Amino acid sequence: MTVIATQNAPGAIGPYSQGFVTGNLIITSGQLPVDPASGTMPEGIAAQAEQSCKNVGAILEAAGSGLDKVVKTTCFLAHMEDFAAFNEVYARYFTSKPARSCVAVKELPKGALCEIEAIAEK
């Protein structure tokens, strides 16, 4: 197994890595919508979904893959009423339509509105 570490996505805020490569798979940790350069989160679900997608993409790229090779995502929303707006952004990034689970949770770290994790082929 190989740990993935990139400055192009936010660093872990706990005792975990940004992701792992194991065999032919890349598994990312959940990505909050934190801008890795500034450490801030944008306002609103659309902007936050966009940043979370970019963060997942940066980790995959660091591991030699990309969003087009994602086979499964798990998406967490703070509010299910954001589902349609989240999907609109998500669909622009995950064009291969990977398998997905999407659930609403009570709350996310740092008050985020969404979080995305992914499994991709190398």
PDB file of N, CA and C in Angstrom:
ATOM      1  N   MET A   1       0.832  -1.177   0.000  1.00  0.00           N
ATOM      2  CA  MET A   1       0.000   0.000   0.000  1.00  0.00           C
ATOM      3  C   MET A   1       0.881   1.247   0.000  1.00  0.00           C
ATOM      4  N   THR A   2       0.394   2.268  -0.678  1.00  0.00           N
ATOM      5  CA  THR A   2       1.110   3.532  -0.757  1.00  0.00           C
ATOM      6  C   THR A   2       0.196   4.663  -0.298  1.00  0.00           C
ATOM      7  N   VAL A   3       0.688   5.492   0.594  1.00  0.00           N
ATOM      8  CA  VAL A   3      -0.065   6.654   1.067  1.00  0.00           C
ATOM      9  C   VAL A   3      -0.025   7.735  -0.002  1.00  0.00           C
ATOM     10  N   ILE A   4      -1.157   8.374  -0.245  1.00  0.00           N
ATOM     11  CA  ILE A   4      -1.226   9.502  -1.170  1.00  0.00           C
ATOM     12  C   ILE A   4      -1.127  10.785  -0.353  1.00  0.00           C
ATOM     13  N   ALA A   5      -0.263  11.689  -0.798  1.00  0.00           N
ATOM     14  CA  ALA A   5      -0.121  12.993  -0.143  1.00  0.00           C
ATOM     15  C   ALA A   5       0.114  14.039  -1.218  1.00  0.00           C
ATOM     16  N   THR A   6      -0.725  15.063  -1.242  1.00  0.00           N
ATOM     17  CA  THR A   6      -0.577  16.151  -2.206  1.00  0.00           C
ATOM     18  C   THR A   6      -0.925  17.481  -1.556  1.00  0.00           C
ATOM     19  N   GLN A   7      -0.229  18.519  -1.967  1.00  0.00           N
ATOM     20  CA  GLN A   7      -0.525  19.867  -1.507  1.00  0.00           C
ATOM     21  C   GLN A   7      -1.716  20.464  -2.254  1.00  0.00           C
ATOM     22  N   ASN A   8      -2.168  19.775  -3.307  1.00  0.00           N
ATOM     23  CA  ASN A   8      -3.267  20.278  -4.138  1.00  0.00           C
ATOM     24  C   ASN A   8      -4.647  19.925  -3.593  1.00  0.00           C
ATOM     25  N   ALA A   9      -4.678  19.282  -2.439  1.00  0.00           N
ATOM     26  CA  ALA A   9      -5.918  18.982  -1.720  1.00  0.00           C
ATOM     27  C   ALA A   9      -5.645  19.257  -0.244  1.00  0.00           C
ATOM     28  N   PRO A  10      -6.704  19.531   0.522  1.00  0.00           N
ATOM     29  CA  PRO A  10      -6.474  19.826   1.938  1.00  0.00           C
ATOM     30  C   PRO A  10      -5.849  18.649   2.681  1.00  0.00           C
ATOM     31  N   GLY A  11      -4.998  18.949   3.620  1.00  0.00           N
ATOM     32  CA  GLY A  11      -4.411  17.909   4.455  1.00  0.00           C
ATOM     33  C   GLY A  11      -5.450  17.327   5.394  1.00  0.00           C
ATOM     34  N   ALA A  12      -5.187  16.155   5.891  1.00  0.00           N
ATOM     35  CA  ALA A  12      -6.094  15.495   6.829  1.00  0.00           C
ATOM     36  C   ALA A  12      -6.214  16.318   8.110  1.00  0.00           C
ATOM     37  N   ILE A  13      -7.420  16.363   8.667  1.00  0.00           N
ATOM     38  CA  ILE A  13      -7.626  17.103   9.915  1.00  0.00           C
ATOM     39  C   ILE A  13      -7.680  16.147  11.112  1.00  0.00           C
ATOM     40  N   GLY A  14      -7.245  14.933  10.897  1.00  0.00           N
ATOM     41  CA  GLY A  14      -7.226  13.925  11.946  1.00  0.00           C
ATOM     42  C   GLY A  14      -6.173  12.877  11.641  1.00  0.00           C
ATOM     43  N   PRO A  15      -6.228  11.754  12.340  1.00  0.00           N
ATOM     44  CA  PRO A  15      -5.223  10.703  12.181  1.00  0.00           C
ATOM     45  C   PRO A  15      -5.527   9.782  10.990  1.00  0.00           C
ATOM     46  N   TYR A  16      -5.497  10.350   9.796  1.00  0.00           N
ATOM     47  CA  TYR A  16      -5.744   9.580   8.572  1.00  0.00           C
ATOM     48  C   TYR A  16      -5.003  10.251   7.422  1.00  0.00           C
ATOM     49  N   SER A  17      -4.961   9.569   6.279  1.00  0.00           N
ATOM     50  CA  SER A  17      -4.280  10.106   5.101  1.00  0.00           C
ATOM     51  C   SER A  17      -5.303  10.612   4.092  1.00  0.00           C
ATOM     52  N   GLN A  18      -4.823  11.321   3.087  1.00  0.00           N
ATOM     53  CA  GLN A  18      -5.707  11.777   2.007  1.00  0.00           C
ATOM     54  C   GLN A  18      -6.221  10.590   1.195  1.00  0.00           C
ATOM     55  N   GLY A  19      -5.435   9.542   1.146  1.00  0.00           N
ATOM     56  CA  GLY A  19      -5.857   8.351   0.413  1.00  0.00           C
ATOM     57  C   GLY A  19      -4.774   7.305   0.385  1.00  0.00           C
ATOM     58  N   PHE A  20      -5.114   6.171  -0.223  1.00  0.00           N
ATOM     59  CA  PHE A  20      -4.200   5.043  -0.356  1.00  0.00           C
ATOM     60  C   PHE A  20      -4.301   4.455  -1.747  1.00  0.00           C
ATOM     61  N   VAL A  21      -3.179   3.946  -2.230  1.00  0.00           N
ATOM     62  CA  VAL A  21      -3.166   3.107  -3.419  1.00  0.00           C
ATOM     63  C   VAL A  21      -2.907   1.699  -2.922  1.00  0.00           C
ATOM     64  N   THR A  22      -3.781   0.783  -3.302  1.00  0.00           N
ATOM     65  CA  THR A  22      -3.592  -0.618  -2.955  1.00  0.00           C
ATOM     66  C   THR A  22      -3.909  -1.447  -4.195  1.00  0.00           C
ATOM     67  N   GLY A  23      -2.916  -2.160  -4.676  1.00  0.00           N
ATOM     68  CA  GLY A  23      -3.105  -2.901  -5.919  1.00  0.00           C
ATOM     69  C   GLY A  23      -3.424  -1.925  -7.039  1.00  0.00           C
ATOM     70  N   ASN A  24      -4.526  -2.159  -7.736  1.00  0.00           N
ATOM     71  CA  ASN A  24      -4.939  -1.301  -8.846  1.00  0.00           C
ATOM     72  C   ASN A  24      -6.025  -0.305  -8.427  1.00  0.00           C
ATOM     73  N   LEU A  25      -6.242  -0.167  -7.111  1.00  0.00           N
ATOM     74  CA  LEU A  25      -7.289   0.731  -6.630  1.00  0.00           C
ATOM     75  C   LEU A  25      -6.715   1.923  -5.874  1.00  0.00           C
ATOM     76  N   ILE A  26      -7.420   3.037  -6.011  1.00  0.00           N
ATOM     77  CA  ILE A  26      -7.121   4.239  -5.244  1.00  0.00           C
ATOM     78  C   ILE A  26      -8.354   4.525  -4.404  1.00  0.00           C
ATOM     79  N   ILE A  27      -8.145   4.697  -3.114  1.00  0.00           N
ATOM     80  CA  ILE A  27      -9.238   4.965  -2.183  1.00  0.00           C
ATOM     81  C   ILE A  27      -8.952   6.293  -1.514  1.00  0.00           C
ATOM     82  N   THR A  28      -9.853   7.252  -1.697  1.00  0.00           N
ATOM     83  CA  THR A  28      -9.638   8.556  -1.076  1.00  0.00           C
ATOM     84  C   THR A  28     -10.405   8.650   0.236  1.00  0.00           C
ATOM     85  N   SER A  29      -9.890   9.455   1.127  1.00  0.00           N
ATOM     86  CA  SER A  29     -10.651   9.847   2.307  1.00  0.00           C
ATOM     87  C   SER A  29     -11.707  10.844   1.858  1.00  0.00           C
ATOM     88  N   GLY A  30     -12.709  11.053   2.680  1.00  0.00           N
ATOM     89  CA  GLY A  30     -13.727  12.039   2.369  1.00  0.00           C
ATOM     90  C   GLY A  30     -13.111  13.420   2.222  1.00  0.00           C
ATOM     91  N   GLN A  31     -13.543  14.132   1.198  1.00  0.00           N
ATOM     92  CA  GLN A  31     -12.994  15.460   0.928  1.00  0.00           C
ATOM     93  C   GLN A  31     -14.025  16.541   1.210  1.00  0.00           C
ATOM     94  N   LEU A  32     -13.715  17.327   2.214  1.00  0.00           N
ATOM     95  CA  LEU A  32     -14.521  18.501   2.519  1.00  0.00           C
ATOM     96  C   LEU A  32     -14.231  19.573   1.466  1.00  0.00           C
ATOM     97  N   PRO A  33     -15.075  20.575   1.373  1.00  0.00           N
ATOM     98  CA  PRO A  33     -14.878  21.630   0.382  1.00  0.00           C
ATOM     99  C   PRO A  33     -13.909  22.723   0.840  1.00  0.00           C
ATOM    100  N   VAL A  34     -12.758  22.314   1.318  1.00  0.00           N
ATOM    101  CA  VAL A  34     -11.755  23.261   1.811  1.00  0.00           C
ATOM    102  C   VAL A  34     -10.771  23.570   0.687  1.00  0.00           C
ATOM    103  N   ASP A  35     -10.563  24.838   0.415  1.00  0.00           N
ATOM    104  CA  ASP A  35      -9.575  25.270  -0.573  1.00  0.00           C
ATOM    105  C   ASP A  35      -8.195  24.994   0.013  1.00  0.00           C
ATOM    106  N   PRO A  36      -7.381  24.160  -0.640  1.00  0.00           N
ATOM    107  CA  PRO A  36      -6.085  23.812  -0.060  1.00  0.00           C
ATOM    108  C   PRO A  36      -5.122  24.997   0.046  1.00  0.00           C
ATOM    109  N   ALA A  37      -5.298  26.009  -0.783  1.00  0.00           N
ATOM    110  CA  ALA A  37      -4.397  27.165  -0.753  1.00  0.00           C
ATOM    111  C   ALA A  37      -4.705  28.101   0.407  1.00  0.00           C
ATOM    112  N   SER A  38      -5.989  28.325   0.658  1.00  0.00           N
ATOM    113  CA  SER A  38      -6.369  29.307   1.682  1.00  0.00           C
ATOM    114  C   SER A  38      -6.865  28.687   2.987  1.00  0.00           C
ATOM    115  N   GLY A  39      -7.292  27.414   2.928  1.00  0.00           N
ATOM    116  CA  GLY A  39      -7.845  26.763   4.113  1.00  0.00           C
ATOM    117  C   GLY A  39      -9.281  27.178   4.404  1.00  0.00           C
ATOM    118  N   THR A  40      -9.900  27.903   3.482  1.00  0.00           N
ATOM    119  CA  THR A  40     -11.273  28.363   3.685  1.00  0.00           C
ATOM    120  C   THR A  40     -12.253  27.523   2.866  1.00  0.00           C
ATOM    121  N   MET A  41     -13.543  27.633   3.227  1.00  0.00           N
ATOM    122  CA  MET A  41     -14.604  26.972   2.475  1.00  0.00           C
ATOM    123  C   MET A  41     -15.466  28.026   1.796  1.00  0.00           C
ATOM    124  N   PRO A  42     -15.850  27.784   0.551  1.00  0.00           N
ATOM    125  CA  PRO A  42     -16.747  28.728  -0.114  1.00  0.00           C
ATOM    126  C   PRO A  42     -18.143  28.654   0.488  1.00  0.00           C
ATOM    127  N   GLU A  43     -18.975  29.620   0.165  1.00  0.00           N
ATOM    128  CA  GLU A  43     -20.362  29.666   0.641  1.00  0.00           C
ATOM    129  C   GLU A  43     -21.266  28.904  -0.330  1.00  0.00           C
ATOM    130  N   GLY A  44     -22.264  28.236   0.196  1.00  0.00           N
ATOM    131  CA  GLY A  44     -23.305  27.621  -0.624  1.00  0.00           C
ATOM    132  C   GLY A  44     -22.958  26.225  -1.112  1.00  0.00           C
ATOM    133  N   ILE A  45     -23.983  25.443  -1.351  1.00  0.00           N
ATOM    134  CA  ILE A  45     -23.790  24.044  -1.737  1.00  0.00           C
ATOM    135  C   ILE A  45     -23.114  23.897  -3.093  1.00  0.00           C
ATOM    136  N   ALA A  46     -23.461  24.711  -4.086  1.00  0.00           N
ATOM    137  CA  ALA A  46     -22.852  24.557  -5.411  1.00  0.00           C
ATOM    138  C   ALA A  46     -21.347  24.792  -5.351  1.00  0.00           C
ATOM    139  N   ALA A  47     -20.924  25.857  -4.711  1.00  0.00           N
ATOM    140  CA  ALA A  47     -19.494  26.162  -4.604  1.00  0.00           C
ATOM    141  C   ALA A  47     -18.773  25.122  -3.754  1.00  0.00           C
ATOM    142  N   GLN A  48     -19.435  24.642  -2.709  1.00  0.00           N
ATOM    143  CA  GLN A  48     -18.805  23.615  -1.871  1.00  0.00           C
ATOM    144  C   GLN A  48     -18.700  22.280  -2.608  1.00  0.00           C
ATOM    145  N   ALA A  49     -19.718  21.908  -3.351  1.00  0.00           N
ATOM    146  CA  ALA A  49     -19.658  20.670  -4.138  1.00  0.00           C
ATOM    147  C   ALA A  49     -18.518  20.752  -5.145  1.00  0.00           C
ATOM    148  N   GLU A  50     -18.394  21.903  -5.785  1.00  0.00           N
ATOM    149  CA  GLU A  50     -17.316  22.124  -6.757  1.00  0.00           C
ATOM    150  C   GLU A  50     -15.948  21.914  -6.105  1.00  0.00           C
ATOM    151  N   GLN A  51     -15.734  22.490  -4.927  1.00  0.00           N
ATOM    152  CA  GLN A  51     -14.438  22.364  -4.258  1.00  0.00           C
ATOM    153  C   GLN A  51     -14.177  20.932  -3.814  1.00  0.00           C
ATOM    154  N   SER A  52     -15.190  20.244  -3.304  1.00  0.00           N
ATOM    155  CA  SER A  52     -15.004  18.843  -2.905  1.00  0.00           C
ATOM    156  C   SER A  52     -14.629  17.990  -4.111  1.00  0.00           C
ATOM    157  N   CYS A  53     -15.285  18.220  -5.250  1.00  0.00           N
ATOM    158  CA  CYS A  53     -14.953  17.475  -6.478  1.00  0.00           C
ATOM    159  C   CYS A  53     -13.511  17.746  -6.900  1.00  0.00           C
ATOM    160  N   LYS A  54     -13.101  19.010  -6.855  1.00  0.00           N
ATOM    161  CA  LYS A  54     -11.721  19.364  -7.208  1.00  0.00           C
ATOM    162  C   LYS A  54     -10.730  18.678  -6.280  1.00  0.00           C
ATOM    163  N   ASN A  55     -11.048  18.617  -4.994  1.00  0.00           N
ATOM    164  CA  ASN A  55     -10.144  17.982  -4.030  1.00  0.00           C
ATOM    165  C   ASN A  55     -10.003  16.493  -4.296  1.00  0.00           C
ATOM    166  N   VAL A  56     -11.117  15.819  -4.585  1.00  0.00           N
ATOM    167  CA  VAL A  56     -11.043  14.395  -4.938  1.00  0.00           C
ATOM    168  C   VAL A  56     -10.184  14.225  -6.187  1.00  0.00           C
ATOM    169  N   GLY A  57     -10.412  15.059  -7.182  1.00  0.00           N
ATOM    170  CA  GLY A  57      -9.640  14.992  -8.423  1.00  0.00           C
ATOM    171  C   GLY A  57      -8.152  15.184  -8.194  1.00  0.00           C
ATOM    172  N   ALA A  58      -7.776  16.098  -7.311  1.00  0.00           N
ATOM    173  CA  ALA A  58      -6.364  16.346  -7.031  1.00  0.00           C
ATOM    174  C   ALA A  58      -5.693  15.134  -6.391  1.00  0.00           C
ATOM    175  N   ILE A  59      -6.400  14.475  -5.501  1.00  0.00           N
ATOM    176  CA  ILE A  59      -5.838  13.278  -4.854  1.00  0.00           C
ATOM    177  C   ILE A  59      -5.684  12.156  -5.880  1.00  0.00           C
ATOM    178  N   LEU A  60      -6.687  11.964  -6.705  1.00  0.00           N
ATOM    179  CA  LEU A  60      -6.606  10.931  -7.740  1.00  0.00           C
ATOM    180  C   LEU A  60      -5.461  11.218  -8.703  1.00  0.00           C
ATOM    181  N   GLU A  61      -5.322  12.476  -9.091  1.00  0.00           N
ATOM    182  CA  GLU A  61      -4.233  12.861  -9.993  1.00  0.00           C
ATOM    183  C   GLU A  61      -2.875  12.584  -9.364  1.00  0.00           C
ATOM    184  N   ALA A  62      -2.735  12.881  -8.086  1.00  0.00           N
ATOM    185  CA  ALA A  62      -1.472  12.629  -7.386  1.00  0.00           C
ATOM    186  C   ALA A  62      -1.133  11.137  -7.366  1.00  0.00           C
ATOM    187  N   ALA A  63      -2.159  10.298  -7.469  1.00  0.00           N
ATOM    188  CA  ALA A  63      -1.959   8.851  -7.461  1.00  0.00           C
ATOM    189  C   ALA A  63      -1.872   8.270  -8.869  1.00  0.00           C
ATOM    190  N   GLY A  64      -1.918   9.129  -9.890  1.00  0.00           N
ATOM    191  CA  GLY A  64      -1.806   8.652 -11.258  1.00  0.00           C
ATOM    192  C   GLY A  64      -3.121   8.233 -11.880  1.00  0.00           C
ATOM    193  N   SER A  65      -4.217   8.766 -11.394  1.00  0.00           N
ATOM    194  CA  SER A  65      -5.534   8.421 -11.922  1.00  0.00           C
ATOM    195  C   SER A  65      -6.300   9.701 -12.209  1.00  0.00           C
ATOM    196  N   GLY A  66      -7.615   9.599 -12.283  1.00  0.00           N
ATOM    197  CA  GLY A  66      -8.427  10.772 -12.542  1.00  0.00           C
ATOM    198  C   GLY A  66      -9.889  10.488 -12.268  1.00  0.00           C
ATOM    199  N   LEU A  67     -10.696  11.519 -12.322  1.00  0.00           N
ATOM    200  CA  LEU A  67     -12.124  11.382 -12.048  1.00  0.00           C
ATOM    201  C   LEU A  67     -12.814  10.433 -13.027  1.00  0.00           C
ATOM    202  N   ASP A  68     -12.283  10.308 -14.236  1.00  0.00           N
ATOM    203  CA  ASP A  68     -12.878   9.407 -15.227  1.00  0.00           C
ATOM    204  C   ASP A  68     -12.681   7.937 -14.888  1.00  0.00           C
ATOM    205  N   LYS A  69     -11.836   7.640 -13.919  1.00  0.00           N
ATOM    206  CA  LYS A  69     -11.579   6.253 -13.520  1.00  0.00           C
ATOM    207  C   LYS A  69     -12.256   5.873 -12.201  1.00  0.00           C
ATOM    208  N   VAL A  70     -13.088   6.767 -11.685  1.00  0.00           N
ATOM    209  CA  VAL A  70     -13.799   6.504 -10.430  1.00  0.00           C
ATOM    210  C   VAL A  70     -14.875   5.448 -10.683  1.00  0.00           C
ATOM    211  N   VAL A  71     -14.919   4.442  -9.797  1.00  0.00           N
ATOM    212  CA  VAL A  71     -15.930   3.382  -9.913  1.00  0.00           C
ATOM    213  C   VAL A  71     -16.990   3.480  -8.831  1.00  0.00           C
ATOM    214  N   LYS A  72     -16.707   4.214  -7.740  1.00  0.00           N
ATOM    215  CA  LYS A  72     -17.666   4.317  -6.630  1.00  0.00           C
ATOM    216  C   LYS A  72     -17.402   5.592  -5.859  1.00  0.00           C
ATOM    217  N   THR A  73     -18.465   6.299  -5.511  1.00  0.00           N
ATOM    218  CA  THR A  73     -18.351   7.444  -4.611  1.00  0.00           C
ATOM    219  C   THR A  73     -19.344   7.273  -3.466  1.00  0.00           C
ATOM    220  N   THR A  74     -19.002   7.891  -2.372  1.00  0.00           N
ATOM    221  CA  THR A  74     -19.942   8.050  -1.270  1.00  0.00           C
ATOM    222  C   THR A  74     -19.994   9.537  -0.986  1.00  0.00           C
ATOM    223  N   CYS A  75     -21.208  10.079  -0.981  1.00  0.00           N
ATOM    224  CA  CYS A  75     -21.411  11.515  -0.811  1.00  0.00           C
ATOM    225  C   CYS A  75     -22.243  11.754   0.440  1.00  0.00           C
ATOM    226  N   PHE A  76     -21.838  12.744   1.191  1.00  0.00           N
ATOM    227  CA  PHE A  76     -22.517  13.094   2.427  1.00  0.00           C
ATOM    228  C   PHE A  76     -23.018  14.532   2.301  1.00  0.00           C
ATOM    229  N   LEU A  77     -24.276  14.754   2.607  1.00  0.00           N
ATOM    230  CA  LEU A  77     -24.869  16.086   2.561  1.00  0.00           C
ATOM    231  C   LEU A  77     -25.360  16.461   3.951  1.00  0.00           C
ATOM    232  N   ALA A  78     -25.167  17.712   4.311  1.00  0.00           N
ATOM    233  CA  ALA A  78     -25.691  18.186   5.587  1.00  0.00           C
ATOM    234  C   ALA A  78     -27.201  18.378   5.505  1.00  0.00           C
ATOM    235  N   HIS A  79     -27.714  18.631   4.301  1.00  0.00           N
ATOM    236  CA  HIS A  79     -29.151  18.877   4.104  1.00  0.00           C
ATOM    237  C   HIS A  79     -29.612  18.194   2.819  1.00  0.00           C
ATOM    238  N   MET A  80     -30.552  17.283   2.913  1.00  0.00           N
ATOM    239  CA  MET A  80     -31.018  16.583   1.727  1.00  0.00           C
ATOM    240  C   MET A  80     -31.687  17.530   0.735  1.00  0.00           C
ATOM    241  N   GLU A  81     -32.158  18.686   1.169  1.00  0.00           N
ATOM    242  CA  GLU A  81     -32.735  19.638   0.224  1.00  0.00           C
ATOM    243  C   GLU A  81     -31.684  20.207  -0.737  1.00  0.00           C
ATOM    244  N   ASP A  82     -30.403  19.974  -0.464  1.00  0.00           N
ATOM    245  CA  ASP A  82     -29.324  20.383  -1.368  1.00  0.00           C
ATOM    246  C   ASP A  82     -29.034  19.339  -2.444  1.00  0.00           C
ATOM    247  N   PHE A  83     -29.767  18.229  -2.433  1.00  0.00           N
ATOM    248  CA  PHE A  83     -29.503  17.095  -3.328  1.00  0.00           C
ATOM    249  C   PHE A  83     -29.451  17.509  -4.801  1.00  0.00           C
ATOM    250  N   ALA A  84     -30.450  18.223  -5.281  1.00  0.00           N
ATOM    251  CA  ALA A  84     -30.506  18.596  -6.699  1.00  0.00           C
ATOM    252  C   ALA A  84     -29.345  19.515  -7.083  1.00  0.00           C
ATOM    253  N   ALA A  85     -29.062  20.512  -6.274  1.00  0.00           N
ATOM    254  CA  ALA A  85     -27.965  21.437  -6.569  1.00  0.00           C
ATOM    255  C   ALA A  85     -26.615  20.711  -6.510  1.00  0.00           C
ATOM    256  N   PHE A  86     -26.474  19.812  -5.552  1.00  0.00           N
ATOM    257  CA  PHE A  86     -25.248  19.009  -5.447  1.00  0.00           C
ATOM    258  C   PHE A  86     -25.075  18.158  -6.703  1.00  0.00           C
ATOM    259  N   ASN A  87     -26.140  17.476  -7.131  1.00  0.00           N
ATOM    260  CA  ASN A  87     -26.080  16.611  -8.312  1.00  0.00           C
ATOM    261  C   ASN A  87     -25.679  17.367  -9.565  1.00  0.00           C
ATOM    262  N   GLU A  88     -26.154  18.597  -9.689  1.00  0.00           N
ATOM    263  CA  GLU A  88     -25.838  19.409 -10.863  1.00  0.00           C
ATOM    264  C   GLU A  88     -24.332  19.597 -11.002  1.00  0.00           C
ATOM    265  N   VAL A  89     -23.669  19.891  -9.907  1.00  0.00           N
ATOM    266  CA  VAL A  89     -22.211  20.070  -9.923  1.00  0.00           C
ATOM    267  C   VAL A  89     -21.522  18.712 -10.065  1.00  0.00           C
ATOM    268  N   TYR A  90     -21.918  17.748  -9.278  1.00  0.00           N
ATOM    269  CA  TYR A  90     -21.321  16.406  -9.280  1.00  0.00           C
ATOM    270  C   TYR A  90     -21.298  15.828 -10.694  1.00  0.00           C
ATOM    271  N   ALA A  91     -22.391  15.970 -11.435  1.00  0.00           N
ATOM    272  CA  ALA A  91     -22.512  15.399 -12.777  1.00  0.00           C
ATOM    273  C   ALA A  91     -21.472  15.971 -13.741  1.00  0.00           C
ATOM    274  N   ARG A  92     -21.024  17.186 -13.536  1.00  0.00           N
ATOM    275  CA  ARG A  92     -20.001  17.791 -14.402  1.00  0.00           C
ATOM    276  C   ARG A  92     -18.625  17.182 -14.165  1.00  0.00           C
ATOM    277  N   TYR A  93     -18.382  16.653 -12.988  1.00  0.00           N
ATOM    278  CA  TYR A  93     -17.079  16.085 -12.653  1.00  0.00           C
ATOM    279  C   TYR A  93     -17.032  14.568 -12.828  1.00  0.00           C
ATOM    280  N   PHE A  94     -18.067  13.887 -12.403  1.00  0.00           N
ATOM    281  CA  PHE A  94     -18.090  12.421 -12.456  1.00  0.00           C
ATOM    282  C   PHE A  94     -18.898  11.979 -13.677  1.00  0.00           C
ATOM    283  N   THR A  95     -18.340  12.266 -14.860  1.00  0.00           N
ATOM    284  CA  THR A  95     -19.048  12.046 -16.122  1.00  0.00           C
ATOM    285  C   THR A  95     -19.215  10.573 -16.472  1.00  0.00           C
ATOM    286  N   SER A  96     -18.404   9.691 -15.875  1.00  0.00           N
ATOM    287  CA  SER A  96     -18.534   8.255 -16.156  1.00  0.00           C
ATOM    288  C   SER A  96     -19.666   7.617 -15.351  1.00  0.00           C
ATOM    289  N   LYS A  97     -20.339   8.413 -14.523  1.00  0.00           N
ATOM    290  CA  LYS A  97     -21.471   7.958 -13.715  1.00  0.00           C
ATOM    291  C   LYS A  97     -21.135   6.723 -12.868  1.00  0.00           C
ATOM    292  N   PRO A  98     -20.164   6.882 -11.958  1.00  0.00           N
ATOM    293  CA  PRO A  98     -19.794   5.750 -11.100  1.00  0.00           C
ATOM    294  C   PRO A  98     -20.942   5.363 -10.162  1.00  0.00           C
ATOM    295  N   ALA A  99     -20.860   4.171  -9.623  1.00  0.00           N
ATOM    296  CA  ALA A  99     -21.801   3.762  -8.579  1.00  0.00           C
ATOM    297  C   ALA A  99     -21.681   4.782  -7.445  1.00  0.00           C
ATOM    298  N   ARG A 100     -22.798   5.018  -6.741  1.00  0.00           N
ATOM    299  CA  ARG A 100     -22.764   6.075  -5.723  1.00  0.00           C
ATOM    300  C   ARG A 100     -23.770   5.817  -4.621  1.00  0.00           C
ATOM    301  N   SER A 101     -23.395   6.216  -3.428  1.00  0.00           N
ATOM    302  CA  SER A 101     -24.315   6.330  -2.305  1.00  0.00           C
ATOM    303  C   SER A 101     -24.299   7.790  -1.904  1.00  0.00           C
ATOM    304  N   CYS A 102     -25.454   8.335  -1.554  1.00  0.00           N
ATOM    305  CA  CYS A 102     -25.545   9.727  -1.126  1.00  0.00           C
ATOM    306  C   CYS A 102     -26.508   9.784   0.049  1.00  0.00           C
ATOM    307  N   VAL A 103     -26.025  10.249   1.174  1.00  0.00           N
ATOM    308  CA  VAL A 103     -26.850  10.288   2.378  1.00  0.00           C
ATOM    309  C   VAL A 103     -26.761  11.650   3.042  1.00  0.00           C
ATOM    310  N   ALA A 104     -27.808  12.003   3.756  1.00  0.00           N
ATOM    311  CA  ALA A 104     -27.780  13.200   4.588  1.00  0.00           C
ATOM    312  C   ALA A 104     -27.310  12.778   5.977  1.00  0.00           C
ATOM    313  N   VAL A 105     -26.482  13.603   6.571  1.00  0.00           N
ATOM    314  CA  VAL A 105     -25.941  13.331   7.903  1.00  0.00           C
ATOM    315  C   VAL A 105     -26.301  14.491   8.819  1.00  0.00           C
ATOM    316  N   LYS A 106     -26.198  14.265  10.094  1.00  0.00           N
ATOM    317  CA  LYS A 106     -26.564  15.317  11.052  1.00  0.00           C
ATOM    318  C   LYS A 106     -25.698  16.554  10.870  1.00  0.00           C
ATOM    319  N   GLU A 107     -24.385  16.364  10.748  1.00  0.00           N
ATOM    320  CA  GLU A 107     -23.481  17.470  10.474  1.00  0.00           C
ATOM    321  C   GLU A 107     -22.159  16.923   9.979  1.00  0.00           C
ATOM    322  N   LEU A 108     -21.395  17.791   9.337  1.00  0.00           N
ATOM    323  CA  LEU A 108     -20.079  17.441   8.802  1.00  0.00           C
ATOM    324  C   LEU A 108     -19.013  18.294   9.489  1.00  0.00           C
ATOM    325  N   PRO A 109     -17.759  17.838   9.493  1.00  0.00           N
ATOM    326  CA  PRO A 109     -16.696  18.626  10.110  1.00  0.00           C
ATOM    327  C   PRO A 109     -16.633  20.036   9.521  1.00  0.00           C
ATOM    328  N   LYS A 110     -16.260  20.977  10.348  1.00  0.00           N
ATOM    329  CA  LYS A 110     -16.070  22.372   9.979  1.00  0.00           C
ATOM    330  C   LYS A 110     -17.344  23.043   9.467  1.00  0.00           C
ATOM    331  N   GLY A 111     -18.494  22.426   9.705  1.00  0.00           N
ATOM    332  CA  GLY A 111     -19.751  23.006   9.247  1.00  0.00           C
ATOM    333  C   GLY A 111     -19.969  22.898   7.745  1.00  0.00           C
ATOM    334  N   ALA A 112     -19.239  22.003   7.090  1.00  0.00           N
ATOM    335  CA  ALA A 112     -19.358  21.833   5.637  1.00  0.00           C
ATOM    336  C   ALA A 112     -20.760  21.363   5.257  1.00  0.00           C
ATOM    337  N   LEU A 113     -21.142  21.649   4.025  1.00  0.00           N
ATOM    338  CA  LEU A 113     -22.442  21.218   3.501  1.00  0.00           C
ATOM    339  C   LEU A 113     -22.362  19.897   2.763  1.00  0.00           C
ATOM    340  N   CYS A 114     -21.130  19.480   2.360  1.00  0.00           N
ATOM    341  CA  CYS A 114     -20.968  18.206   1.647  1.00  0.00           C
ATOM    342  C   CYS A 114     -19.568  17.645   1.867  1.00  0.00           C
ATOM    343  N   GLU A 115     -19.447  16.372   1.574  1.00  0.00           N
ATOM    344  CA  GLU A 115     -18.161  15.666   1.621  1.00  0.00           C
ATOM    345  C   GLU A 115     -18.256  14.529   0.617  1.00  0.00           C
ATOM    346  N   ILE A 116     -17.166  14.260  -0.102  1.00  0.00           N
ATOM    347  CA  ILE A 116     -17.158  13.208  -1.109  1.00  0.00           C
ATOM    348  C   ILE A 116     -15.930  12.333  -0.923  1.00  0.00           C
ATOM    349  N   GLU A 117     -16.133  11.016  -0.971  1.00  0.00           N
ATOM    350  CA  GLU A 117     -15.013  10.071  -1.009  1.00  0.00           C
ATOM    351  C   GLU A 117     -15.164   9.219  -2.259  1.00  0.00           C
ATOM    352  N   ALA A 118     -14.057   8.661  -2.734  1.00  0.00           N
ATOM    353  CA  ALA A 118     -14.100   7.924  -3.992  1.00  0.00           C
ATOM    354  C   ALA A 118     -13.176   6.714  -3.982  1.00  0.00           C
ATOM    355  N   ILE A 119     -13.535   5.757  -4.828  1.00  0.00           N
ATOM    356  CA  ILE A 119     -12.686   4.604  -5.149  1.00  0.00           C
ATOM    357  C   ILE A 119     -12.513   4.629  -6.656  1.00  0.00           C
ATOM    358  N   ALA A 120     -11.266   4.548  -7.101  1.00  0.00           N
ATOM    359  CA  ALA A 120     -10.977   4.624  -8.535  1.00  0.00           C
ATOM    360  C   ALA A 120      -9.966   3.558  -8.935  1.00  0.00           C
ATOM    361  N   GLU A 121      -9.922   3.285 -10.225  1.00  0.00           N
ATOM    362  CA  GLU A 121      -8.868   2.427 -10.778  1.00  0.00           C
ATOM    363  C   GLU A 121      -7.645   3.281 -11.042  1.00  0.00           C
ATOM    364  N   LYS A 122      -6.497   2.662 -10.957  1.00  0.00           N
ATOM    365  CA  LYS A 122      -5.242   3.383 -11.227  1.00  0.00           C
ATOM    366  C   LYS A 122      -5.103   3.617 -12.713  1.00  0.00           C
TER     367      LYS A 122
END
